[in-house]
Amino acid sequence: MKKVKADFLIIGAGIIGLALGLKLKERFPEKEVYIIEKEKELGFHSSGRNSGVLHAGFYYYPDSLKAKFTKKGNEELTRYCEVKGLGIRKCGKVVVAKSEEDLPTLYELKRRGEANGVEVYLIDEKELKDLEPNAKTFQKALWSPTTSTVDPIEVLNALKKDLETMGVKFFFNTPYQKRLGENEIFAGKILFSAEKIINASGLYADKIAKDFGFGKDYVILPFKGLYLEYTGTSQFISRNIYPVPNLKNPFLGVHFTIKIDGTIKIGPTATPCLSRENYGLFSNFKLNEMTEIGKYLFLLFFKNSKFRSLALDELKKYWKSYLISEAQKLVYYMDQRGFNRWGKPGIRAQLLHKDTLELVQDFVVEGDQHSLHILNAVSPAFTACLPFAEYVVTRFL
């Protein structure tokens, strides 16, 4: 059996794993940093299937980790893309109200944005028309000029290139198998040992954490996100358009996003699925995952009224007509017939607290002197990756 020893071993080459590798080498340039990845290349899962939106940081409750790192992450990734010559579409975002009932939440988002130091403006209907003539709102809207979109795969590949230049070694086709000792794991066909093992494995982070005695209070529930893409020729919006969200759940509602290449898309769905990599309708089902996930979905549905309402609403989004009708509420005009192509599905690794049956809203980090586990690295983790990784490295390593 081949044996490999490192100072730091990162499990998972998603955006968080790469950002951690970067910050580790910046802080400890003399240390050996290795990253293992179960797939043959980057971007197979959550990071590569990300929407590509760099969030501004006004959604998140002040004092949360998301609030602390999203604004800075937006600034750092924007600067990174500019320096590296990567594509970035600085289209901004408007958040629109559908009715008077949305206004208190809109004002709350403005308050959070100000508390988080985010550039965000409360505007009236006339000002909205100047910014995005096709966006429809009730009395007031929010304007976020620093929201933009990037190509997630391009960002991942640029980070990998930088890491290799810094001396970080990658092991692809090397899936985590099991823990063998305090500082040893078996992955692929290799026995790895390290001073510190860092679990940034996304959809399986809770499983690996439990092997090390962490994450006992949590389980990851996968939620599938699908976008419907526009294939027509009418460029009927120029900015991202979002609804006022329900702040009691972690999802932002059906919205318009403009991809880096100019493609308009609507979505996403946020539909519970029964396996962690169930990208197709019936693909990648695993019986043991279905049993565990199904149990918690059943408990959530019958014991958590917020989740029950969310799940019933999300199931409707499997119908293209419903998704389009939700998007239509945000604009005066859209070419409905042009939305006829489903984009690449993504799966959100949403953490559930097993005792309270509440969907966890913030990032979670657990560990000891031997291992560290990044749990609930969901949106806006892509945006926040660089300052979040710096926080993890300086506080825990």
Protein backbone atom coordinates (compact mmCIF):
# COMPACT_ATOMS: atom_id res chain seq x y z
CA MET A 1 0.00 0.00 0.00
CA LYS A 2 1.31 3.44 -0.95
CA LYS A 3 1.82 5.80 2.00
CA VAL A 4 1.79 9.59 1.78
CA LYS A 5 2.52 12.08 4.57
CA ALA A 6 1.68 15.78 4.62
CA ASP A 7 1.53 18.61 7.12
CA PHE A 8 -2.01 19.52 6.05
CA LEU A 9 -4.37 17.20 4.18
CA ILE A 10 -7.55 18.71 2.73
CA ILE A 11 -10.42 16.42 1.74
CA GLY A 12 -12.32 17.94 -1.18
CA ALA A 13 -11.18 20.21 -4.03
CA GLY A 14 -14.27 22.40 -4.14
CA ILE A 15 -14.09 26.16 -3.69
CA ILE A 16 -13.67 25.88 0.10
CA GLY A 17 -10.95 23.25 -0.15
CA LEU A 18 -9.05 25.32 -2.71
CA ALA A 19 -9.42 28.52 -0.67
CA LEU A 20 -8.17 26.71 2.43
CA GLY A 21 -5.17 25.43 0.48
CA LEU A 22 -4.38 28.96 -0.67
CA LYS A 23 -4.60 30.49 2.80
CA LEU A 24 -2.59 27.64 4.36
CA LYS A 25 0.28 28.13 1.89
CA GLU A 26 0.19 31.89 2.39
CA ARG A 27 0.43 31.45 6.17
CA PHE A 28 2.72 28.39 6.24
CA PRO A 29 4.73 28.47 2.98
CA GLU A 30 7.18 25.84 4.24
CA LYS A 31 4.45 23.29 5.04
CA GLU A 32 3.32 20.47 2.74
CA VAL A 33 -0.33 20.92 1.74
CA TYR A 34 -2.07 18.10 -0.14
CA ILE A 35 -5.64 18.05 -1.47
CA ILE A 36 -7.50 14.84 -2.28
CA GLU A 37 -10.51 14.79 -4.61
CA LYS A 38 -12.70 11.81 -5.43
CA GLU A 39 -13.45 12.94 -9.00
CA LYS A 40 -11.08 13.07 -11.97
CA GLU A 41 -11.17 16.88 -12.19
CA LEU A 42 -12.58 19.99 -10.53
CA GLY A 43 -16.17 21.15 -10.55
CA PHE A 44 -18.13 17.88 -10.64
CA HIS A 45 -20.32 18.86 -7.70
CA SER A 46 -21.56 21.90 -5.75
CA SER A 47 -18.77 24.38 -6.54
CA GLY A 48 -18.80 23.69 -10.28
CA ARG A 49 -22.60 23.72 -10.39
CA ASN A 50 -22.84 27.01 -8.50
CA SER A 51 -24.97 29.82 -9.94
CA GLY A 52 -21.87 31.99 -10.30
CA VAL A 53 -23.44 34.92 -8.43
CA LEU A 54 -21.08 36.93 -6.23
CA HIS A 55 -23.45 38.06 -3.48
CA ALA A 56 -23.15 41.49 -1.89
CA GLY A 57 -23.90 40.39 1.70
CA PHE A 58 -27.14 42.12 2.73
CA TYR A 59 -29.29 39.00 3.26
CA TYR A 60 -27.49 37.73 6.33
CA TYR A 61 -28.18 38.48 9.95
CA PRO A 62 -25.47 40.73 11.45
CA ASP A 63 -22.89 38.89 13.60
CA SER A 64 -23.32 35.69 11.57
CA LEU A 65 -20.31 34.21 9.77
CA LYS A 66 -22.12 34.74 6.47
CA ALA A 67 -22.55 38.44 7.23
CA LYS A 68 -18.94 38.72 8.37
CA PHE A 69 -17.38 37.26 5.24
CA THR A 70 -19.69 37.82 2.25
CA LYS A 71 -18.93 41.51 1.63
CA LYS A 72 -15.19 40.97 1.95
CA GLY A 73 -15.42 37.80 -0.12
CA ASN A 74 -17.22 39.68 -2.88
CA GLU A 75 -14.46 42.30 -2.90
CA GLU A 76 -11.63 39.74 -2.85
CA LEU A 77 -13.07 37.47 -5.55
CA THR A 78 -13.90 40.48 -7.72
CA ARG A 79 -10.31 41.67 -7.39
CA TYR A 80 -9.00 38.13 -8.03
CA CYS A 81 -11.01 37.86 -11.26
CA GLU A 82 -9.79 41.28 -12.41
CA VAL A 83 -6.12 40.54 -11.66
CA LYS A 84 -6.27 37.08 -13.28
CA GLY A 85 -8.24 38.29 -16.29
CA LEU A 86 -11.21 36.05 -15.50
CA GLY A 87 -14.69 36.87 -16.74
CA ILE A 88 -16.93 38.90 -14.45
CA ARG A 89 -20.27 40.51 -15.30
CA LYS A 90 -20.89 43.51 -13.04
CA CYS A 91 -24.61 43.71 -13.68
CA GLY A 92 -25.76 44.41 -10.12
CA LYS A 93 -29.03 43.20 -8.65
CA VAL A 94 -32.44 44.62 -7.80
CA VAL A 95 -34.70 43.08 -5.15
CA VAL A 96 -38.35 43.81 -5.88
CA ALA A 97 -41.52 43.69 -3.77
CA LYS A 98 -44.60 41.88 -5.07
CA SER A 99 -47.00 43.56 -2.63
CA GLU A 100 -47.23 45.73 0.47
CA GLU A 101 -46.61 42.62 2.59
CA ASP A 102 -43.04 42.47 1.25
CA LEU A 103 -42.07 45.98 2.35
CA PRO A 104 -41.15 45.22 6.00
CA THR A 105 -38.75 42.49 4.83
CA LEU A 106 -37.33 44.82 2.18
CA TYR A 107 -36.61 47.40 4.90
CA GLU A 108 -35.06 44.65 7.04
CA LEU A 109 -32.72 43.72 4.18
CA LYS A 110 -31.71 47.37 3.92
CA ARG A 111 -31.04 47.44 7.67
CA ARG A 112 -28.95 44.26 7.49
CA GLY A 113 -27.02 45.60 4.54
CA GLU A 114 -26.14 48.78 6.43
CA ALA A 115 -25.17 46.78 9.54
CA ASN A 116 -22.93 44.56 7.38
CA GLY A 117 -21.27 47.53 5.67
CA VAL A 118 -22.73 46.64 2.28
CA GLU A 119 -23.45 49.19 -0.43
CA VAL A 120 -27.21 48.85 -0.93
CA TYR A 121 -29.84 51.46 -1.75
CA LEU A 122 -33.58 51.70 -1.11
CA ILE A 123 -35.09 53.10 -4.32
CA ASP A 124 -38.56 54.01 -5.59
CA GLU A 125 -40.33 52.84 -8.74
CA LYS A 126 -38.98 55.70 -10.87
CA GLU A 127 -35.38 55.01 -9.82
CA LEU A 128 -35.92 51.30 -10.47
CA LYS A 129 -37.16 52.09 -13.98
CA ASP A 130 -33.96 54.00 -14.67
CA LEU A 131 -31.84 51.05 -13.51
CA GLU A 132 -33.88 48.17 -14.93
CA PRO A 133 -36.92 49.28 -16.98
CA ASN A 134 -38.42 45.79 -17.09
CA ALA A 135 -38.35 45.12 -13.33
CA LYS A 136 -41.69 45.43 -11.55
CA THR A 137 -42.05 46.36 -7.88
CA PHE A 138 -44.56 47.65 -5.34
CA GLN A 139 -43.49 51.16 -4.24
CA LYS A 140 -39.91 50.32 -3.22
CA ALA A 141 -37.00 48.11 -4.28
CA LEU A 142 -33.39 47.48 -3.27
CA TRP A 143 -30.45 48.19 -5.57
CA SER A 144 -27.22 46.24 -5.02
CA PRO A 145 -24.50 47.56 -7.38
CA THR A 146 -21.78 45.15 -6.17
CA THR A 147 -23.60 41.91 -7.04
CA SER A 148 -22.02 40.28 -10.11
CA THR A 149 -21.66 36.93 -11.87
CA VAL A 150 -18.61 34.82 -12.70
CA ASP A 151 -17.88 31.44 -14.28
CA PRO A 152 -17.38 29.04 -11.32
CA ILE A 153 -15.31 26.53 -13.30
CA GLU A 154 -12.99 29.28 -14.52
CA VAL A 155 -12.45 30.47 -10.93
CA LEU A 156 -11.81 26.92 -9.70
CA ASN A 157 -9.24 26.24 -12.41
CA ALA A 158 -7.45 29.54 -11.78
CA LEU A 159 -7.17 28.74 -8.07
CA LYS A 160 -5.86 25.25 -8.82
CA LYS A 161 -3.18 26.70 -11.10
CA ASP A 162 -2.12 29.14 -8.38
CA LEU A 163 -2.01 26.38 -5.78
CA GLU A 164 0.14 24.13 -7.95
CA THR A 165 2.53 27.04 -8.50
CA MET A 166 2.74 27.42 -4.71
CA GLY A 167 3.59 23.73 -4.31
CA VAL A 168 0.23 22.26 -3.32
CA LYS A 169 -0.15 18.69 -4.56
CA PHE A 170 -3.47 17.31 -5.84
CA PHE A 171 -4.62 13.68 -5.78
CA PHE A 172 -7.58 13.17 -8.14
CA ASN A 173 -9.62 9.95 -8.39
CA THR A 174 -8.90 9.55 -4.67
CA PRO A 175 -12.15 9.18 -2.72
CA TYR A 176 -12.11 9.17 1.07
CA GLN A 177 -12.74 5.61 2.34
CA LYS A 178 -12.32 5.63 6.10
CA ARG A 179 -10.40 6.92 9.08
CA LEU A 180 -7.64 4.64 10.34
CA GLY A 181 -6.22 6.61 13.25
CA GLU A 182 -6.12 10.06 14.80
CA ASN A 183 -4.16 11.46 11.88
CA GLU A 184 -4.58 8.78 9.22
CA ILE A 185 -7.14 8.09 6.53
CA PHE A 186 -7.46 5.64 3.67
CA ALA A 187 -8.41 7.31 0.38
CA GLY A 188 -8.36 5.77 -3.08
CA LYS A 189 -5.59 3.20 -2.71
CA ILE A 190 -3.36 5.38 -0.53
CA LEU A 191 -2.76 5.62 3.21
CA PHE A 192 -2.54 9.34 4.05
CA SER A 193 -1.24 10.75 7.32
CA ALA A 194 -1.07 14.42 8.29
CA GLU A 195 -0.55 16.71 11.25
CA LYS A 196 -3.99 18.14 10.51
CA ILE A 197 -6.77 16.70 8.37
CA ILE A 198 -9.29 19.24 7.06
CA ASN A 199 -12.66 18.01 5.86
CA ALA A 200 -14.11 20.26 3.14
CA SER A 201 -16.02 17.53 1.35
CA GLY A 202 -19.32 19.34 0.79
CA LEU A 203 -22.18 16.90 0.39
CA TYR A 204 -20.41 14.25 2.50
CA ALA A 205 -18.85 16.55 5.11
CA ASP A 206 -21.17 15.32 7.87
CA LYS A 207 -20.38 11.66 7.15
CA ILE A 208 -16.62 12.22 7.31
CA ALA A 209 -16.98 14.44 10.39
CA LYS A 210 -18.77 11.62 12.22
CA ASP A 211 -15.80 9.30 11.53
CA PHE A 212 -13.74 11.74 13.61
CA GLY A 213 -16.35 12.17 16.35
CA PHE A 214 -17.80 15.48 15.12
CA GLY A 215 -21.03 16.63 13.51
CA LYS A 216 -23.07 14.42 15.82
CA ASP A 217 -25.91 16.96 16.08
CA TYR A 218 -26.28 17.33 12.32
CA VAL A 219 -27.16 15.60 9.09
CA ILE A 220 -26.88 16.97 5.57
CA LEU A 221 -30.09 17.07 3.54
CA PRO A 222 -29.58 17.51 -0.21
CA PHE A 223 -31.73 20.07 -2.06
CA LYS A 224 -31.66 20.04 -5.84
CA GLY A 225 -31.43 23.37 -7.63
CA LEU A 226 -32.47 23.65 -11.28
CA TYR A 227 -32.49 26.72 -13.51
CA LEU A 228 -34.48 27.18 -16.70
CA GLU A 229 -32.38 28.89 -19.36
CA TYR A 230 -33.48 31.30 -22.06
CA THR A 231 -32.61 30.36 -25.65
CA GLY A 232 -34.39 33.23 -27.41
CA THR A 233 -32.95 36.43 -28.82
CA SER A 234 -34.67 39.15 -26.75
CA GLN A 235 -32.34 40.65 -24.12
CA PHE A 236 -35.27 41.83 -21.99
CA ILE A 237 -33.31 42.42 -18.75
CA SER A 238 -29.85 43.80 -18.05
CA ARG A 239 -29.58 43.11 -14.31
CA ASN A 240 -30.22 40.25 -11.90
CA ILE A 241 -33.76 40.52 -10.50
CA TYR A 242 -34.69 38.85 -7.20
CA PRO A 243 -37.90 38.77 -5.14
CA VAL A 244 -38.07 39.72 -1.48
CA PRO A 245 -37.25 36.37 0.20
CA ASN A 246 -38.79 34.61 3.17
CA LEU A 247 -36.06 35.16 5.77
CA LYS A 248 -37.26 32.15 7.78
CA ASN A 249 -35.77 29.72 5.27
CA PRO A 250 -32.34 29.63 3.57
CA PHE A 251 -33.56 29.99 -0.03
CA LEU A 252 -33.98 33.20 -2.02
CA GLY A 253 -36.98 32.39 -4.23
CA VAL A 254 -37.32 32.22 -8.02
CA HIS A 255 -35.23 34.96 -9.62
CA PHE A 256 -33.58 36.11 -12.84
CA THR A 257 -29.82 35.71 -13.17
CA ILE A 258 -27.64 36.75 -16.11
CA LYS A 259 -24.76 34.32 -16.63
CA ILE A 260 -21.27 35.43 -17.56
CA ASP A 261 -21.99 34.72 -21.25
CA GLY A 262 -25.20 36.79 -21.18
CA THR A 263 -27.62 33.86 -20.93
CA ILE A 264 -30.68 34.68 -18.82
CA LYS A 265 -31.93 31.98 -16.45
CA ILE A 266 -34.77 31.66 -13.96
CA GLY A 267 -34.92 29.55 -10.83
CA PRO A 268 -33.76 27.80 -8.88
CA THR A 269 -35.83 24.99 -7.55
CA ALA A 270 -34.88 23.92 -4.02
CA THR A 271 -36.40 20.46 -4.03
CA PRO A 272 -35.48 17.84 -1.42
CA CYS A 273 -33.90 14.77 -3.01
CA LEU A 274 -33.28 11.33 -1.57
CA SER A 275 -29.59 10.92 -2.44
CA ARG A 276 -26.68 13.32 -2.17
CA GLU A 277 -25.66 13.16 -5.82
CA ASN A 278 -29.10 12.59 -7.35
CA TYR A 279 -28.61 15.01 -10.26
CA GLY A 280 -30.90 13.23 -12.69
CA LEU A 281 -34.44 12.09 -12.01
CA PHE A 282 -33.42 8.56 -11.00
CA SER A 283 -29.61 8.70 -11.07
CA ASN A 284 -27.15 7.95 -8.25
CA PHE A 285 -29.66 6.57 -5.78
CA LYS A 286 -28.05 4.92 -2.75
CA LEU A 287 -30.31 2.89 -0.50
CA ASN A 288 -28.56 3.79 2.77
CA GLU A 289 -28.77 7.50 1.92
CA MET A 290 -32.42 7.24 0.90
CA THR A 291 -33.28 5.63 4.23
CA GLU A 292 -31.57 8.27 6.36
CA ILE A 293 -32.61 11.28 4.29
CA GLY A 294 -36.15 9.97 3.92
CA LYS A 295 -36.48 9.63 7.69
CA TYR A 296 -35.53 13.24 8.36
CA LEU A 297 -37.62 14.58 5.49
CA PHE A 298 -40.61 12.71 6.94
CA LEU A 299 -39.99 14.18 10.41
CA LEU A 300 -39.51 17.66 8.98
CA PHE A 301 -42.64 17.49 6.89
CA PHE A 302 -44.88 16.53 9.79
CA LYS A 303 -43.20 18.41 12.66
CA ASN A 304 -41.90 21.62 11.07
CA SER A 305 -44.68 23.71 9.53
CA LYS A 306 -42.18 26.11 7.90
CA PHE A 307 -40.52 23.22 6.10
CA ARG A 308 -43.84 21.65 5.12
CA SER A 309 -44.95 24.89 3.47
CA LEU A 310 -41.56 25.25 1.76
CA ALA A 311 -41.54 21.67 0.46
CA LEU A 312 -45.05 21.85 -0.98
CA ASP A 313 -44.22 25.10 -2.74
CA GLU A 314 -40.91 23.79 -4.08
CA LEU A 315 -42.50 20.66 -5.56
CA LYS A 316 -44.58 22.90 -7.84
CA LYS A 317 -41.37 24.17 -9.43
CA TYR A 318 -40.87 20.85 -11.20
CA TRP A 319 -43.55 22.18 -13.56
CA LYS A 320 -41.95 24.56 -16.01
CA SER A 321 -45.14 26.62 -16.25
CA TYR A 322 -45.13 27.30 -12.49
CA LEU A 323 -41.47 28.36 -12.50
CA ILE A 324 -42.14 30.73 -15.39
CA SER A 325 -45.25 32.15 -13.70
CA GLU A 326 -43.24 32.91 -10.54
CA ALA A 327 -40.56 34.69 -12.57
CA GLN A 328 -43.19 36.62 -14.53
CA LYS A 329 -44.27 38.33 -11.28
CA LEU A 330 -40.93 40.17 -11.17
CA VAL A 331 -41.04 41.77 -14.64
CA TYR A 332 -43.44 43.51 -17.00
CA TYR A 333 -42.40 41.40 -19.97
CA MET A 334 -40.63 38.10 -20.55
CA ASP A 335 -40.45 35.85 -23.59
CA GLN A 336 -41.96 32.81 -21.87
CA ARG A 337 -41.59 30.49 -24.85
CA GLY A 338 -37.85 31.14 -24.93
CA PHE A 339 -37.33 29.45 -21.55
CA ASN A 340 -37.10 25.87 -22.79
CA ARG A 341 -33.73 24.47 -21.70
CA TRP A 342 -32.90 23.14 -18.24
CA GLY A 343 -29.42 24.05 -17.00
CA LYS A 344 -27.01 21.77 -15.19
CA PRO A 345 -28.53 20.80 -11.81
CA GLY A 346 -26.76 21.54 -8.56
CA ILE A 347 -27.30 20.10 -5.10
CA ARG A 348 -27.13 22.19 -1.95
CA ALA A 349 -25.56 20.43 1.06
CA GLN A 350 -28.03 21.89 3.57
CA LEU A 351 -27.32 21.09 7.21
CA LEU A 352 -30.17 20.05 9.51
CA HIS A 353 -29.99 20.11 13.31
CA LYS A 354 -31.30 16.69 14.25
CA ASP A 355 -32.77 17.65 17.63
CA THR A 356 -34.49 20.93 16.73
CA LEU A 357 -35.34 19.88 13.15
CA GLU A 358 -34.29 23.34 11.97
CA LEU A 359 -32.37 24.04 8.77
CA VAL A 360 -29.07 25.58 9.88
CA GLN A 361 -28.65 29.11 8.51
CA ASP A 362 -24.93 29.77 9.10
CA PHE A 363 -21.58 28.12 8.38
CA VAL A 364 -20.48 25.56 10.99
CA VAL A 365 -16.89 24.58 11.89
CA GLU A 366 -16.01 21.78 14.33
CA GLY A 367 -12.74 20.05 15.19
CA ASP A 368 -9.79 19.50 17.50
CA GLN A 369 -5.99 19.39 17.26
CA HIS A 370 -6.14 16.48 14.81
CA SER A 371 -8.95 17.34 12.40
CA LEU A 372 -11.22 20.17 11.30
CA HIS A 373 -14.62 19.89 9.63
CA ILE A 374 -16.36 22.51 7.48
CA LEU A 375 -20.11 21.90 7.69
CA ASN A 376 -22.93 23.76 5.95
CA ALA A 377 -20.70 25.50 3.39
CA VAL A 378 -23.76 26.55 1.41
CA SER A 379 -24.57 29.83 -0.34
CA PRO A 380 -22.90 32.31 -0.10
CA ALA A 381 -19.88 30.06 0.55
CA PHE A 382 -18.57 30.53 -3.00
CA THR A 383 -18.60 34.32 -2.58
CA ALA A 384 -17.21 34.19 0.97
CA CYS A 385 -14.58 31.49 0.34
CA LEU A 386 -11.38 33.55 0.66
CA PRO A 387 -12.02 35.46 3.93
CA PHE A 388 -13.84 32.45 5.38
CA ALA A 389 -10.80 30.26 4.66
CA GLU A 390 -8.53 32.88 6.21
CA TYR A 391 -10.73 32.89 9.32
CA VAL A 392 -10.56 29.09 9.57
CA VAL A 393 -6.78 29.03 9.14
CA THR A 394 -6.05 31.83 11.63
CA ARG A 395 -8.56 30.74 14.27
CA PHE A 396 -8.40 26.94 14.11
CA LEU A 397 -5.02 26.08 12.58
